[in-house]
Amino acid sequence: MPMQLPEETTADLVRRLARVEGQVRGLQAMIKDGRECREIVAQLSAAGKALDQVGFKLLATGMVTCLNDPEKAAEAGFVPEEVEKLFLKLA
């Protein structure tokens, strides 16, 4: 059973991912244009952090689901041990 996200959370995650997509396109242009290495690394760092934030927001929403309805979460295979593994993948 897939995790059902609240509509506003889904919209926020999609908006964040669109922003990251724009950052990645900007990075491609910077590299093609031969921009300064420090500028590129700074933008890479910002894009990476923004992508991490999407993951953490997704997991935080899942945690709320686990806490509010542990039985439903367990049926979906979303148990605390799994959540811990997912957080560690992002760390």
Protein backbone atom coordinates (compact mmCIF):
# COMPACT_ATOMS: atom_id res chain seq x y z
CA MET A 1 0.00 0.00 0.00
CA PRO A 2 1.58 3.30 -1.04
CA MET A 3 1.92 6.12 1.44
CA GLN A 4 -0.89 8.62 1.00
CA LEU A 5 0.45 12.15 1.36
CA PRO A 6 -1.75 15.12 2.17
CA GLU A 7 -2.44 17.18 -0.95
CA GLU A 8 -0.62 20.23 0.42
CA THR A 9 2.47 18.11 1.19
CA THR A 10 2.47 16.63 -2.30
CA ALA A 11 2.19 20.12 -3.81
CA ASP A 12 5.04 21.38 -1.61
CA LEU A 13 7.31 18.46 -2.54
CA VAL A 14 6.60 18.87 -6.25
CA ARG A 15 7.29 22.62 -5.98
CA ARG A 16 10.59 21.95 -4.20
CA LEU A 17 11.60 19.38 -6.81
CA ALA A 18 10.81 21.82 -9.62
CA ARG A 19 13.09 24.35 -7.92
CA VAL A 20 15.88 21.74 -7.70
CA GLU A 21 15.33 20.93 -11.36
CA GLY A 22 15.86 24.61 -12.17
CA GLN A 23 19.03 24.65 -10.08
CA VAL A 24 20.37 21.62 -11.96
CA ARG A 25 19.64 23.27 -15.30
CA GLY A 26 21.44 26.35 -14.04
CA LEU A 27 24.42 24.20 -13.07
CA GLN A 28 24.52 22.67 -16.54
CA ALA A 29 24.62 26.16 -18.05
CA MET A 30 27.31 27.26 -15.62
CA ILE A 31 29.51 24.33 -16.58
CA LYS A 32 28.93 24.86 -20.30
CA ASP A 33 29.75 28.55 -19.88
CA GLY A 34 32.97 27.74 -18.05
CA ARG A 35 31.95 29.54 -14.87
CA GLU A 36 34.26 29.75 -11.87
CA CYS A 37 34.66 26.52 -9.90
CA ARG A 38 33.69 28.10 -6.57
CA GLU A 39 30.39 29.36 -8.01
CA ILE A 40 29.58 25.91 -9.38
CA VAL A 41 30.42 24.15 -6.13
CA ALA A 42 28.29 26.61 -4.15
CA GLN A 43 25.33 25.92 -6.44
CA LEU A 44 25.93 22.16 -6.27
CA SER A 45 25.84 22.37 -2.50
CA ALA A 46 22.61 24.38 -2.54
CA ALA A 47 20.93 21.93 -4.94
CA GLY A 48 22.03 18.96 -2.83
CA LYS A 49 20.68 20.51 0.35
CA ALA A 50 17.40 21.36 -1.36
CA LEU A 51 17.04 17.76 -2.53
CA ASP A 52 17.82 16.50 0.98
CA GLN A 53 15.05 18.75 2.32
CA VAL A 54 12.56 17.06 -0.01
CA GLY A 55 13.57 13.68 1.38
CA PHE A 56 13.38 14.81 4.99
CA LYS A 57 9.98 16.42 4.46
CA LEU A 58 8.71 13.21 2.87
CA LEU A 59 10.00 11.11 5.76
CA ALA A 60 8.67 13.53 8.37
CA THR A 61 5.22 13.21 6.82
CA GLY A 62 5.59 9.43 6.94
CA MET A 63 6.58 9.61 10.59
CA VAL A 64 3.41 11.52 11.39
CA THR A 65 1.45 8.75 9.67
CA CYS A 66 3.28 6.15 11.76
CA LEU A 67 2.55 8.00 14.97
CA ASN A 68 -1.09 8.73 14.14
CA ASP A 69 -1.98 5.25 12.86
CA PRO A 70 0.73 2.70 13.69
CA GLU A 71 -1.35 -0.27 12.57
CA LYS A 72 -2.02 1.19 9.13
CA ALA A 73 1.63 2.20 8.81
CA ALA A 74 2.78 -1.32 9.78
CA GLU A 75 0.45 -2.88 7.21
CA ALA A 76 2.08 -0.68 4.58
CA GLY A 77 5.53 -1.86 5.72
CA PHE A 78 6.36 1.53 7.21
CA VAL A 79 7.61 0.47 10.64
CA PRO A 80 10.01 2.45 12.87
CA GLU A 81 12.99 0.32 11.85
CA GLU A 82 12.32 1.08 8.18
CA VAL A 83 11.95 4.79 8.89
CA GLU A 84 15.29 4.75 10.68
CA LYS A 85 16.95 3.10 7.68
CA LEU A 86 15.45 5.69 5.34
CA PHE A 87 16.66 8.58 7.51
CA LEU A 88 20.15 7.11 7.61
CA LYS A 89 20.18 6.86 3.81
CA LEU A 90 19.60 10.59 3.64
CA ALA A 91 22.13 11.45 6.35
